[in-house]
Amino acid sequence: MSRVEVAARPAAASTTTFPSQSLAEFLRRIAKIDPHPHVLDLGILCGDNLAFLGAMGCRVSVESLPKVTTIPSSLQYPPESFSGILAWDAIARLTPGDATTLVATLRLLLLEGGMMLVYFPPGAETASGGRYRIASADLLSLESAPRTGLTDPASSLTHSTSSLMHPARSQPPHPYQNREIYSLFSRFEVVRLAQLKSGAREVLLARTRRAGRE
C-alpha cells in the first residue's frame, strides 16, 4: 500500500484593528522638522503604508524585520538620517540587552527632535512578526500569520529585507514592564505611553538633548 503525504495547510491570517493615540502626533511633529520627512519603517513591507506616508509627503525606507529576535547586523544609514522611525514591535521581540543596543542605534539615526513610535504587544502576540497597516492617522491594523511571504510587490521606495539580520533565537519574548520601557528609552523624551484596550502599549518618543547628553 502506498502512502500519500498531504502538506499542512498554512494557517489563516488574523487581523486586529485598533485606534492609535500617537500616530497623528508622530506625523505632525516630523512634518515640522522637514516638509518631506525621511521615515524608517521597521515593519513588513506594506503598500498601504507606503501610499499613506507618501501622500503625507514622506520619503520612506523599509527594513523588514518579520519574526526577528536578534539585533540587526547592519542598519547602513548615516547618523541623523531620519525625521521619524516606525519601529512597530521590533524592539519588543528582543531581549533587554539586545533591545538596549538597537535603541541606541536607532537614536543615532534620528535627527534632533525626531520621533519614534513603538509597540509592546501583550503576551505571545509579541512574537507574531505580523504586519502593521496604516488605515488612517488614528487607526491601525495588525495582521498576524505564521505563514511566509507576507510581502507586497516591490516599490520604488528604498526597501531592505531581513537578510540583514542574524538567525532568530527560539525563545519566548521578554515580558517588558512599564518601568523597563522607561529605562530602555531613558535617553529619549517619552511623549506618551498609552495602554490600548488590547493590552498592547503604544509608546511615542522624541530624541531631545535634554533627555540625555550626546
N, C-alpha and C. Protein backbone atom coordinates (compact mmCIF):
# COMPACT_ATOMS: atom_id res chain seq x y z
N MET A 1 0.86 -1.19 0.00
CA MET A 1 0.00 0.00 0.00
C MET A 1 0.90 1.25 0.00
N SER A 2 0.63 2.14 -0.89
CA SER A 2 1.42 3.37 -0.97
C SER A 2 0.90 4.38 0.03
N ARG A 3 1.78 5.24 0.47
CA ARG A 3 1.41 6.25 1.46
C ARG A 3 1.39 7.61 0.78
N VAL A 4 0.35 8.36 1.01
CA VAL A 4 0.22 9.70 0.43
C VAL A 4 0.40 10.72 1.54
N GLU A 5 1.32 11.64 1.35
CA GLU A 5 1.55 12.69 2.33
C GLU A 5 0.92 13.99 1.84
N VAL A 6 0.18 14.60 2.70
CA VAL A 6 -0.50 15.85 2.36
C VAL A 6 0.16 16.98 3.14
N ALA A 7 0.58 18.01 2.44
CA ALA A 7 1.22 19.16 3.10
C ALA A 7 0.23 19.88 3.99
N ALA A 8 0.71 20.33 5.11
CA ALA A 8 -0.16 21.07 6.03
C ALA A 8 -0.59 22.38 5.39
N ARG A 9 -1.85 22.72 5.58
CA ARG A 9 -2.37 23.98 5.04
C ARG A 9 -1.92 25.14 5.91
N PRO A 10 -1.41 26.22 5.29
CA PRO A 10 -0.97 27.37 6.10
C PRO A 10 -2.11 27.93 6.93
N ALA A 11 -1.79 28.35 8.14
CA ALA A 11 -2.81 28.94 9.00
C ALA A 11 -3.28 30.26 8.42
N ALA A 12 -4.56 30.52 8.58
CA ALA A 12 -5.13 31.76 8.06
C ALA A 12 -4.64 32.95 8.88
N ALA A 13 -4.53 34.08 8.21
CA ALA A 13 -4.12 35.30 8.89
C ALA A 13 -5.26 35.82 9.76
N SER A 14 -4.91 36.45 10.85
CA SER A 14 -5.91 37.12 11.69
C SER A 14 -5.56 38.60 11.73
N THR A 15 -6.56 39.45 11.64
CA THR A 15 -6.34 40.89 11.60
C THR A 15 -7.06 41.56 12.75
N THR A 16 -6.34 42.38 13.48
CA THR A 16 -6.91 43.14 14.59
C THR A 16 -6.78 44.63 14.26
N THR A 17 -7.89 45.35 14.33
CA THR A 17 -7.89 46.79 14.08
C THR A 17 -7.97 47.52 15.41
N PHE A 18 -7.19 48.58 15.56
CA PHE A 18 -7.18 49.29 16.83
C PHE A 18 -6.86 50.77 16.60
N PRO A 19 -7.40 51.65 17.46
CA PRO A 19 -7.10 53.08 17.32
C PRO A 19 -5.70 53.39 17.80
N SER A 20 -5.08 54.35 17.16
CA SER A 20 -3.77 54.83 17.60
C SER A 20 -3.93 56.20 18.25
N GLN A 21 -3.35 56.35 19.43
CA GLN A 21 -3.39 57.63 20.11
C GLN A 21 -2.19 58.51 19.76
N SER A 22 -1.23 57.95 19.01
CA SER A 22 0.04 58.65 18.84
C SER A 22 0.49 58.85 17.39
N LEU A 23 -0.06 58.11 16.44
CA LEU A 23 0.43 58.22 15.07
C LEU A 23 0.23 59.63 14.51
N ALA A 24 -0.93 60.23 14.77
CA ALA A 24 -1.18 61.58 14.26
C ALA A 24 -0.15 62.57 14.81
N GLU A 25 0.18 62.44 16.10
CA GLU A 25 1.18 63.32 16.70
C GLU A 25 2.56 63.07 16.12
N PHE A 26 2.88 61.80 15.88
CA PHE A 26 4.14 61.43 15.22
C PHE A 26 4.24 62.14 13.87
N LEU A 27 3.19 62.08 13.07
CA LEU A 27 3.19 62.69 11.74
C LEU A 27 3.28 64.21 11.83
N ARG A 28 2.56 64.79 12.78
CA ARG A 28 2.56 66.25 12.93
C ARG A 28 3.95 66.75 13.27
N ARG A 29 4.62 66.06 14.18
CA ARG A 29 5.94 66.52 14.63
C ARG A 29 7.01 66.35 13.57
N ILE A 30 6.98 65.22 12.84
CA ILE A 30 8.04 65.05 11.83
C ILE A 30 7.85 66.02 10.67
N ALA A 31 6.61 66.43 10.40
CA ALA A 31 6.35 67.41 9.34
C ALA A 31 6.91 68.78 9.71
N LYS A 32 7.05 69.07 11.02
CA LYS A 32 7.63 70.33 11.45
C LYS A 32 9.15 70.33 11.29
N ILE A 33 9.75 69.13 11.28
CA ILE A 33 11.20 69.02 11.08
C ILE A 33 11.56 69.22 9.62
N ASP A 34 10.74 68.63 8.74
CA ASP A 34 11.03 68.64 7.30
C ASP A 34 9.70 68.46 6.57
N PRO A 35 9.40 69.29 5.58
CA PRO A 35 8.14 69.12 4.84
C PRO A 35 8.09 67.80 4.07
N HIS A 36 9.25 67.21 3.83
CA HIS A 36 9.33 65.89 3.19
C HIS A 36 10.18 64.97 4.07
N PRO A 37 9.67 64.62 5.25
CA PRO A 37 10.48 63.89 6.23
C PRO A 37 10.85 62.49 5.74
N HIS A 38 12.05 62.07 6.11
CA HIS A 38 12.53 60.72 5.79
C HIS A 38 12.15 59.82 6.96
N VAL A 39 11.40 58.74 6.68
CA VAL A 39 10.88 57.84 7.71
C VAL A 39 11.48 56.45 7.50
N LEU A 40 11.95 55.86 8.60
CA LEU A 40 12.43 54.48 8.59
C LEU A 40 11.32 53.59 9.15
N ASP A 41 10.89 52.61 8.36
CA ASP A 41 9.83 51.68 8.75
C ASP A 41 10.46 50.32 9.00
N LEU A 42 10.35 49.82 10.25
CA LEU A 42 10.94 48.53 10.61
C LEU A 42 9.96 47.37 10.49
N GLY A 43 8.84 47.61 9.82
CA GLY A 43 7.83 46.56 9.67
C GLY A 43 7.94 45.84 8.34
N ILE A 44 7.07 44.84 8.16
CA ILE A 44 6.99 44.13 6.89
C ILE A 44 6.50 45.10 5.82
N LEU A 45 7.10 45.04 4.66
CA LEU A 45 6.75 45.94 3.57
C LEU A 45 5.24 45.91 3.32
N CYS A 46 4.63 47.08 3.32
CA CYS A 46 3.17 47.20 3.16
C CYS A 46 2.87 48.35 2.22
N GLY A 47 2.26 48.02 1.10
CA GLY A 47 1.96 49.04 0.09
C GLY A 47 1.05 50.13 0.61
N ASP A 48 0.08 49.78 1.47
CA ASP A 48 -0.82 50.79 2.03
C ASP A 48 -0.05 51.82 2.86
N ASN A 49 0.94 51.36 3.60
CA ASN A 49 1.74 52.29 4.41
C ASN A 49 2.56 53.21 3.53
N LEU A 50 3.16 52.64 2.48
CA LEU A 50 3.94 53.46 1.56
C LEU A 50 3.07 54.53 0.91
N ALA A 51 1.86 54.14 0.51
CA ALA A 51 0.95 55.09 -0.14
C ALA A 51 0.51 56.17 0.84
N PHE A 52 0.18 55.77 2.08
CA PHE A 52 -0.28 56.74 3.08
C PHE A 52 0.83 57.72 3.41
N LEU A 53 2.01 57.22 3.72
CA LEU A 53 3.13 58.09 4.08
C LEU A 53 3.56 58.95 2.90
N GLY A 54 3.54 58.37 1.70
CA GLY A 54 3.89 59.14 0.50
C GLY A 54 2.93 60.30 0.28
N ALA A 55 1.64 60.07 0.54
CA ALA A 55 0.65 61.13 0.39
C ALA A 55 0.85 62.23 1.42
N MET A 56 1.51 61.90 2.54
CA MET A 56 1.82 62.89 3.56
C MET A 56 3.13 63.62 3.25
N GLY A 57 3.75 63.28 2.12
CA GLY A 57 4.99 63.94 1.72
C GLY A 57 6.25 63.27 2.22
N CYS A 58 6.10 62.07 2.83
CA CYS A 58 7.26 61.38 3.41
C CYS A 58 8.05 60.60 2.37
N ARG A 59 9.36 60.54 2.61
CA ARG A 59 10.23 59.58 1.92
C ARG A 59 10.42 58.41 2.86
N VAL A 60 10.30 57.18 2.37
CA VAL A 60 10.27 56.01 3.26
C VAL A 60 11.36 55.01 2.90
N SER A 61 12.07 54.56 3.92
CA SER A 61 13.00 53.43 3.79
C SER A 61 12.46 52.31 4.68
N VAL A 62 12.43 51.10 4.16
CA VAL A 62 11.86 49.96 4.89
C VAL A 62 12.93 48.93 5.19
N GLU A 63 13.02 48.55 6.45
CA GLU A 63 13.85 47.42 6.88
C GLU A 63 12.90 46.36 7.42
N SER A 64 12.57 45.38 6.60
CA SER A 64 11.59 44.37 7.00
C SER A 64 12.20 43.42 8.03
N LEU A 65 11.62 43.39 9.23
CA LEU A 65 12.15 42.56 10.30
C LEU A 65 11.10 41.58 10.82
N PRO A 66 10.50 40.72 9.96
CA PRO A 66 9.49 39.79 10.44
C PRO A 66 10.09 38.69 11.30
N LYS A 67 9.45 38.45 12.44
CA LYS A 67 9.82 37.35 13.34
C LYS A 67 11.29 37.38 13.74
N VAL A 68 11.83 38.57 13.87
CA VAL A 68 13.24 38.71 14.24
C VAL A 68 13.36 38.79 15.76
N THR A 69 14.31 38.06 16.33
CA THR A 69 14.53 38.13 17.77
C THR A 69 15.98 38.43 18.09
N THR A 70 16.71 38.99 17.13
CA THR A 70 18.07 39.46 17.38
C THR A 70 18.25 40.81 16.72
N ILE A 71 19.30 41.50 17.12
CA ILE A 71 19.52 42.85 16.62
C ILE A 71 20.02 42.82 15.18
N PRO A 72 19.80 43.88 14.42
CA PRO A 72 20.28 43.92 13.04
C PRO A 72 21.80 43.83 12.98
N SER A 73 22.31 43.11 11.99
CA SER A 73 23.75 43.08 11.79
C SER A 73 24.22 44.39 11.18
N SER A 74 23.31 45.11 10.53
CA SER A 74 23.69 46.39 9.95
C SER A 74 22.45 47.20 9.61
N LEU A 75 22.45 48.44 10.04
CA LEU A 75 21.49 49.42 9.56
C LEU A 75 22.33 50.49 8.89
N GLN A 76 22.51 50.35 7.60
CA GLN A 76 23.54 51.10 6.89
C GLN A 76 23.04 52.48 6.45
N TYR A 77 22.87 53.34 7.43
CA TYR A 77 22.46 54.72 7.17
C TYR A 77 23.37 55.65 7.96
N PRO A 78 23.66 56.82 7.42
CA PRO A 78 24.46 57.80 8.17
C PRO A 78 23.70 58.28 9.41
N PRO A 79 24.41 58.77 10.41
CA PRO A 79 23.75 59.34 11.58
C PRO A 79 22.79 60.46 11.19
N GLU A 80 21.71 60.60 11.94
CA GLU A 80 20.71 61.65 11.74
C GLU A 80 20.14 61.62 10.33
N SER A 81 19.80 60.42 9.86
CA SER A 81 19.22 60.26 8.52
C SER A 81 17.71 60.43 8.50
N PHE A 82 17.05 60.29 9.66
CA PHE A 82 15.60 60.18 9.65
C PHE A 82 14.93 61.19 10.59
N SER A 83 13.78 61.68 10.13
CA SER A 83 12.94 62.51 10.99
C SER A 83 12.07 61.64 11.89
N GLY A 84 11.77 60.43 11.44
CA GLY A 84 10.90 59.55 12.22
C GLY A 84 11.21 58.09 11.97
N ILE A 85 10.95 57.26 12.98
CA ILE A 85 11.12 55.81 12.87
C ILE A 85 9.86 55.13 13.36
N LEU A 86 9.27 54.28 12.50
CA LEU A 86 8.16 53.44 12.89
C LEU A 86 8.75 52.08 13.26
N ALA A 87 8.99 51.88 14.55
CA ALA A 87 9.65 50.66 15.00
C ALA A 87 8.66 49.51 15.17
N TRP A 88 7.36 49.83 15.23
CA TRP A 88 6.32 48.83 15.45
C TRP A 88 6.70 47.97 16.65
N ASP A 89 6.69 46.61 16.54
CA ASP A 89 7.04 45.79 17.70
C ASP A 89 8.41 45.13 17.57
N ALA A 90 9.27 45.67 16.71
CA ALA A 90 10.60 45.07 16.51
C ALA A 90 11.42 45.04 17.80
N ILE A 91 11.31 46.10 18.60
CA ILE A 91 12.09 46.17 19.84
C ILE A 91 11.53 45.21 20.88
N ALA A 92 10.22 45.03 20.90
CA ALA A 92 9.58 44.18 21.90
C ALA A 92 9.97 42.72 21.76
N ARG A 93 10.43 42.31 20.59
CA ARG A 93 10.80 40.91 20.37
C ARG A 93 12.22 40.59 20.82
N LEU A 94 12.96 41.61 21.27
CA LEU A 94 14.35 41.42 21.65
C LEU A 94 14.51 41.22 23.14
N THR A 95 15.62 40.60 23.54
CA THR A 95 15.98 40.55 24.95
C THR A 95 16.33 41.97 25.40
N PRO A 96 16.29 42.25 26.70
CA PRO A 96 16.62 43.60 27.16
C PRO A 96 17.99 44.09 26.70
N GLY A 97 18.99 43.19 26.69
CA GLY A 97 20.32 43.60 26.26
C GLY A 97 20.36 43.98 24.79
N ASP A 98 19.75 43.14 23.94
CA ASP A 98 19.73 43.44 22.51
C ASP A 98 18.84 44.65 22.22
N ALA A 99 17.75 44.78 22.98
CA ALA A 99 16.87 45.94 22.78
C ALA A 99 17.61 47.24 23.09
N THR A 100 18.42 47.23 24.14
CA THR A 100 19.20 48.42 24.50
C THR A 100 20.15 48.79 23.37
N THR A 101 20.78 47.79 22.77
CA THR A 101 21.71 48.05 21.66
C THR A 101 20.98 48.61 20.45
N LEU A 102 19.83 48.02 20.11
CA LEU A 102 19.07 48.50 18.96
C LEU A 102 18.54 49.91 19.19
N VAL A 103 18.03 50.18 20.38
CA VAL A 103 17.51 51.52 20.68
C VAL A 103 18.61 52.57 20.55
N ALA A 104 19.81 52.26 21.02
CA ALA A 104 20.93 53.20 20.88
C ALA A 104 21.25 53.45 19.41
N THR A 105 21.20 52.39 18.60
CA THR A 105 21.46 52.54 17.16
C THR A 105 20.40 53.41 16.51
N LEU A 106 19.15 53.15 16.82
CA LEU A 106 18.05 53.91 16.22
C LEU A 106 18.10 55.37 16.64
N ARG A 107 18.50 55.63 17.88
CA ARG A 107 18.59 57.01 18.33
C ARG A 107 19.60 57.80 17.51
N LEU A 108 20.72 57.16 17.19
CA LEU A 108 21.74 57.82 16.38
C LEU A 108 21.23 58.14 14.98
N LEU A 109 20.27 57.35 14.50
CA LEU A 109 19.75 57.57 13.15
C LEU A 109 18.73 58.70 13.08
N LEU A 110 18.23 59.13 14.25
CA LEU A 110 17.22 60.18 14.28
C LEU A 110 17.84 61.57 14.31
N LEU A 111 17.20 62.48 13.62
CA LEU A 111 17.54 63.89 13.73
C LEU A 111 17.16 64.41 15.12
N GLU A 112 17.77 65.51 15.53
CA GLU A 112 17.36 66.16 16.77
C GLU A 112 15.88 66.52 16.66
N GLY A 113 15.10 66.12 17.65
CA GLY A 113 13.66 66.35 17.61
C GLY A 113 12.90 65.26 16.88
N GLY A 114 13.63 64.29 16.32
CA GLY A 114 12.99 63.20 15.58
C GLY A 114 12.14 62.32 16.48
N MET A 115 11.18 61.63 15.87
CA MET A 115 10.18 60.86 16.62
C MET A 115 10.32 59.36 16.33
N MET A 116 9.94 58.56 17.32
CA MET A 116 9.90 57.11 17.14
C MET A 116 8.62 56.57 17.77
N LEU A 117 7.94 55.68 17.04
CA LEU A 117 6.70 55.07 17.52
C LEU A 117 6.95 53.58 17.71
N VAL A 118 6.65 53.07 18.91
CA VAL A 118 6.98 51.70 19.30
C VAL A 118 5.76 51.03 19.92
N TYR A 119 5.62 49.73 19.68
CA TYR A 119 4.54 48.95 20.29
C TYR A 119 5.09 47.78 21.07
N PHE A 120 4.47 47.51 22.21
CA PHE A 120 4.76 46.34 23.03
C PHE A 120 3.47 45.54 23.16
N PRO A 121 3.25 44.57 22.23
CA PRO A 121 2.02 43.77 22.29
C PRO A 121 1.99 42.89 23.53
N PRO A 122 0.80 42.45 23.95
CA PRO A 122 0.71 41.61 25.14
C PRO A 122 1.08 40.16 24.85
N GLY A 123 1.75 39.52 25.78
CA GLY A 123 1.98 38.08 25.75
C GLY A 123 2.56 37.54 24.46
N ALA A 124 1.98 36.42 24.00
CA ALA A 124 2.50 35.71 22.84
C ALA A 124 2.40 36.51 21.55
N GLU A 125 1.54 37.54 21.53
CA GLU A 125 1.40 38.34 20.31
C GLU A 125 2.70 39.05 19.96
N THR A 126 3.56 39.22 20.95
CA THR A 126 4.83 39.93 20.72
C THR A 126 5.67 39.23 19.66
N ALA A 127 5.59 37.90 19.61
CA ALA A 127 6.44 37.14 18.69
C ALA A 127 5.78 36.87 17.36
N SER A 128 4.64 37.52 17.09
CA SER A 128 3.89 37.20 15.89
C SER A 128 4.61 37.60 14.61
N GLY A 129 5.42 38.63 14.69
CA GLY A 129 6.05 39.11 13.47
C GLY A 129 5.05 39.55 12.44
N GLY A 130 3.92 40.12 12.88
CA GLY A 130 2.85 40.49 11.98
C GLY A 130 3.12 41.79 11.24
N ARG A 131 2.19 42.10 10.34
CA ARG A 131 2.33 43.33 9.53
C ARG A 131 1.39 44.40 10.07
N TYR A 132 1.96 45.56 10.36
CA TYR A 132 1.18 46.71 10.78
C TYR A 132 0.77 47.48 9.53
N ARG A 133 -0.50 47.84 9.49
CA ARG A 133 -1.05 48.55 8.33
C ARG A 133 -1.71 49.83 8.80
N ILE A 134 -1.35 50.94 8.17
CA ILE A 134 -1.94 52.23 8.50
C ILE A 134 -3.23 52.41 7.71
N ALA A 135 -4.36 52.51 8.42
CA ALA A 135 -5.64 52.77 7.76
C ALA A 135 -5.90 54.27 7.68
N SER A 136 -5.51 54.98 8.75
CA SER A 136 -5.64 56.44 8.79
C SER A 136 -4.70 56.94 9.88
N ALA A 137 -4.68 58.23 10.09
CA ALA A 137 -3.78 58.80 11.09
C ALA A 137 -4.13 58.38 12.51
N ASP A 138 -5.33 57.83 12.71
CA ASP A 138 -5.71 57.39 14.06
C ASP A 138 -6.24 55.96 14.09
N LEU A 139 -5.94 55.18 13.05
CA LEU A 139 -6.43 53.80 13.01
C LEU A 139 -5.40 52.90 12.34
N LEU A 140 -5.05 51.81 13.04
CA LEU A 140 -4.08 50.85 12.54
C LEU A 140 -4.68 49.45 12.56
N SER A 141 -4.07 48.53 11.82
CA SER A 141 -4.43 47.13 11.94
C SER A 141 -3.16 46.31 12.00
N LEU A 142 -3.26 45.15 12.65
CA LEU A 142 -2.14 44.22 12.77
C LEU A 142 -2.57 42.88 12.20
N GLU A 143 -1.90 42.47 11.13
CA GLU A 143 -2.17 41.18 10.50
C GLU A 143 -1.13 40.19 10.99
N SER A 144 -1.57 39.20 11.74
CA SER A 144 -0.67 38.19 12.30
C SER A 144 -0.89 36.87 11.59
N ALA A 145 0.21 36.26 11.12
CA ALA A 145 0.10 34.96 10.47
C ALA A 145 1.44 34.26 10.52
N PRO A 146 1.46 32.95 10.81
CA PRO A 146 2.71 32.22 10.86
C PRO A 146 3.24 31.85 9.50
N ARG A 147 2.51 32.19 8.45
CA ARG A 147 2.95 31.81 7.11
C ARG A 147 4.04 32.76 6.61
N THR A 148 4.72 32.35 5.57
CA THR A 148 5.76 33.19 4.96
C THR A 148 5.18 33.94 3.78
N GLY A 149 5.99 34.85 3.23
CA GLY A 149 5.59 35.54 2.01
C GLY A 149 4.70 36.73 2.26
N LEU A 150 4.70 37.29 3.47
CA LEU A 150 3.90 38.47 3.74
C LEU A 150 4.61 39.70 3.22
N THR A 151 4.67 39.81 1.91
CA THR A 151 5.30 40.98 1.32
C THR A 151 4.43 41.51 0.21
N ASP A 152 4.45 42.80 0.04
CA ASP A 152 3.75 43.42 -1.06
C ASP A 152 4.68 43.52 -2.25
N PRO A 153 4.14 43.78 -3.45
CA PRO A 153 5.01 43.95 -4.61
C PRO A 153 6.04 45.02 -4.36
N ALA A 154 7.20 44.85 -4.96
CA ALA A 154 8.30 45.80 -4.74
C ALA A 154 7.87 47.20 -5.15
N SER A 155 8.33 48.16 -4.39
CA SER A 155 8.03 49.53 -4.73
C SER A 155 9.31 50.25 -5.09
N SER A 156 9.15 51.49 -5.61
CA SER A 156 10.32 52.26 -6.00
C SER A 156 11.01 52.86 -4.79
N LEU A 157 10.37 52.77 -3.60
CA LEU A 157 10.97 53.31 -2.39
C LEU A 157 12.01 52.33 -1.86
N THR A 158 12.94 52.86 -1.07
CA THR A 158 14.02 52.05 -0.52
C THR A 158 13.45 50.91 0.30
N HIS A 159 13.95 49.68 0.09
CA HIS A 159 13.44 48.52 0.81
C HIS A 159 14.55 47.52 1.02
N SER A 160 14.72 47.09 2.28
CA SER A 160 15.64 46.01 2.60
C SER A 160 14.85 44.91 3.26
N THR A 161 15.41 43.70 3.36
CA THR A 161 14.72 42.58 3.97
C THR A 161 15.49 42.08 5.16
N SER A 162 14.96 41.04 5.79
CA SER A 162 15.57 40.51 7.00
C SER A 162 16.88 39.79 6.73
N SER A 163 17.39 39.82 5.51
CA SER A 163 18.71 39.25 5.24
C SER A 163 19.78 40.01 6.02
N LEU A 164 19.44 41.19 6.53
CA LEU A 164 20.38 41.96 7.34
C LEU A 164 20.44 41.45 8.77
N MET A 165 19.64 40.44 9.08
CA MET A 165 19.51 40.02 10.45
C MET A 165 20.30 38.75 10.75
N HIS A 166 20.65 38.59 12.04
CA HIS A 166 21.20 37.32 12.50
C HIS A 166 20.08 36.30 12.55
N PRO A 167 20.37 34.99 12.55
CA PRO A 167 19.32 33.99 12.70
C PRO A 167 18.53 34.20 13.99
N ALA A 168 17.22 33.94 13.90
CA ALA A 168 16.36 34.15 15.06
C ALA A 168 16.61 33.11 16.13
N ARG A 169 16.44 33.54 17.40
CA ARG A 169 16.57 32.63 18.52
C ARG A 169 15.21 32.03 18.86
N SER A 170 15.19 30.77 19.26
CA SER A 170 13.94 30.14 19.65
C SER A 170 13.74 30.32 21.14
N GLN A 171 13.23 31.47 21.54
CA GLN A 171 12.99 31.75 22.94
C GLN A 171 11.77 32.64 23.05
N PRO A 172 11.04 32.54 24.17
CA PRO A 172 9.86 33.38 24.33
C PRO A 172 10.26 34.83 24.48
N PRO A 173 9.39 35.77 24.07
CA PRO A 173 9.71 37.19 24.20
C PRO A 173 9.76 37.61 25.66
N HIS A 174 10.57 38.61 25.94
CA HIS A 174 10.68 39.14 27.31
C HIS A 174 9.43 39.95 27.62
N PRO A 175 8.78 39.72 28.76
CA PRO A 175 7.58 40.48 29.13
C PRO A 175 7.95 41.85 29.73
N TYR A 176 8.08 42.86 28.90
CA TYR A 176 8.53 44.17 29.37
C TYR A 176 7.49 44.82 30.28
N GLN A 177 7.96 45.30 31.42
CA GLN A 177 7.13 46.09 32.34
C GLN A 177 7.32 47.57 32.01
N ASN A 178 6.39 48.40 32.47
CA ASN A 178 6.48 49.84 32.16
C ASN A 178 7.79 50.45 32.64
N ARG A 179 8.25 50.06 33.84
CA ARG A 179 9.50 50.62 34.35
C ARG A 179 10.67 50.26 33.45
N GLU A 180 10.64 49.06 32.84
CA GLU A 180 11.71 48.65 31.93
C GLU A 180 11.64 49.47 30.63
N ILE A 181 10.43 49.77 30.21
CA ILE A 181 10.27 50.57 29.00
C ILE A 181 10.83 51.97 29.20
N TYR A 182 10.51 52.58 30.35
CA TYR A 182 11.05 53.91 30.64
C TYR A 182 12.58 53.87 30.74
N SER A 183 13.11 52.82 31.33
CA SER A 183 14.56 52.68 31.43
C SER A 183 15.20 52.48 30.06
N LEU A 184 14.56 51.67 29.22
CA LEU A 184 15.07 51.38 27.87
C LEU A 184 15.18 52.67 27.04
N PHE A 185 14.23 53.58 27.23
CA PHE A 185 14.19 54.83 26.45
C PHE A 185 14.59 56.03 27.30
N SER A 186 15.53 55.81 28.22
CA SER A 186 15.93 56.88 29.14
C SER A 186 16.59 58.06 28.44
N ARG A 187 17.12 57.85 27.25
CA ARG A 187 17.77 58.94 26.51
C ARG A 187 16.83 59.58 25.49
N PHE A 188 15.55 59.23 25.59
CA PHE A 188 14.50 59.87 24.80
C PHE A 188 13.56 60.62 25.74
N GLU A 189 12.82 61.53 25.18
CA GLU A 189 11.65 62.06 25.88
C GLU A 189 10.48 61.13 25.59
N VAL A 190 9.87 60.58 26.63
CA VAL A 190 8.67 59.75 26.45
C VAL A 190 7.48 60.70 26.35
N VAL A 191 7.04 60.93 25.13
CA VAL A 191 5.94 61.87 24.90
C VAL A 191 4.63 61.27 25.39
N ARG A 192 4.45 59.97 25.12
CA ARG A 192 3.21 59.31 25.53
C ARG A 192 3.46 57.81 25.66
N LEU A 193 2.97 57.22 26.74
CA LEU A 193 2.93 55.77 26.88
C LEU A 193 1.49 55.42 27.23
N ALA A 194 0.79 54.80 26.28
CA ALA A 194 -0.63 54.51 26.46
C ALA A 194 -0.87 53.01 26.36
N GLN A 195 -1.72 52.49 27.24
CA GLN A 195 -2.12 51.09 27.14
C GLN A 195 -3.43 51.02 26.37
N LEU A 196 -3.43 50.26 25.27
CA LEU A 196 -4.61 50.12 24.44
C LEU A 196 -5.55 49.06 25.02
N LYS A 197 -6.77 49.01 24.51
CA LYS A 197 -7.76 48.05 25.01
C LYS A 197 -7.28 46.61 24.85
N SER A 198 -6.46 46.36 23.84
CA SER A 198 -5.94 45.01 23.59
C SER A 198 -4.91 44.59 24.63
N GLY A 199 -4.44 45.54 25.41
CA GLY A 199 -3.37 45.28 26.36
C GLY A 199 -2.00 45.70 25.84
N ALA A 200 -1.93 46.00 24.55
CA ALA A 200 -0.67 46.48 23.97
C ALA A 200 -0.37 47.88 24.50
N ARG A 201 0.92 48.20 24.55
CA ARG A 201 1.33 49.54 24.93
C ARG A 201 1.94 50.26 23.72
N GLU A 202 1.48 51.47 23.52
CA GLU A 202 1.91 52.32 22.42
C GLU A 202 2.78 53.41 23.00
N VAL A 203 4.02 53.52 22.50
CA VAL A 203 4.98 54.45 23.08
C VAL A 203 5.44 55.43 22.00
N LEU A 204 5.25 56.72 22.26
CA LEU A 204 5.72 57.76 21.36
C LEU A 204 6.91 58.45 22.00
N LEU A 205 8.01 58.54 21.25
CA LEU A 205 9.28 59.03 21.79
C LEU A 205 9.83 60.15 20.92
N ALA A 206 10.57 61.05 21.55
CA ALA A 206 11.25 62.12 20.82
C ALA A 206 12.72 62.12 21.21
N ARG A 207 13.59 62.33 20.22
CA ARG A 207 15.01 62.48 20.51
C ARG A 207 15.26 63.95 20.85
N THR A 208 15.61 64.20 22.11
CA THR A 208 15.91 65.55 22.54
C THR A 208 17.18 65.55 23.37
N ARG A 209 17.92 66.64 23.34
CA ARG A 209 19.16 66.72 24.10
C ARG A 209 18.90 66.69 25.59
N ARG A 210 17.80 67.28 26.02
CA ARG A 210 17.54 67.33 27.46
C ARG A 210 17.18 65.95 28.00
N ALA A 211 16.86 64.98 27.09
CA ALA A 211 16.55 63.64 27.56
C ALA A 211 17.80 62.80 27.76
N GLY A 212 18.96 63.36 27.44
CA GLY A 212 20.21 62.61 27.61
C GLY A 212 21.33 63.30 26.88
N ARG A 213 22.49 63.37 27.47
CA ARG A 213 23.62 64.04 26.84
C ARG A 213 24.11 63.25 25.64
N GLU A 214 24.60 63.99 24.65
CA GLU A 214 25.12 63.36 23.43
C GLU A 214 26.46 62.72 23.72
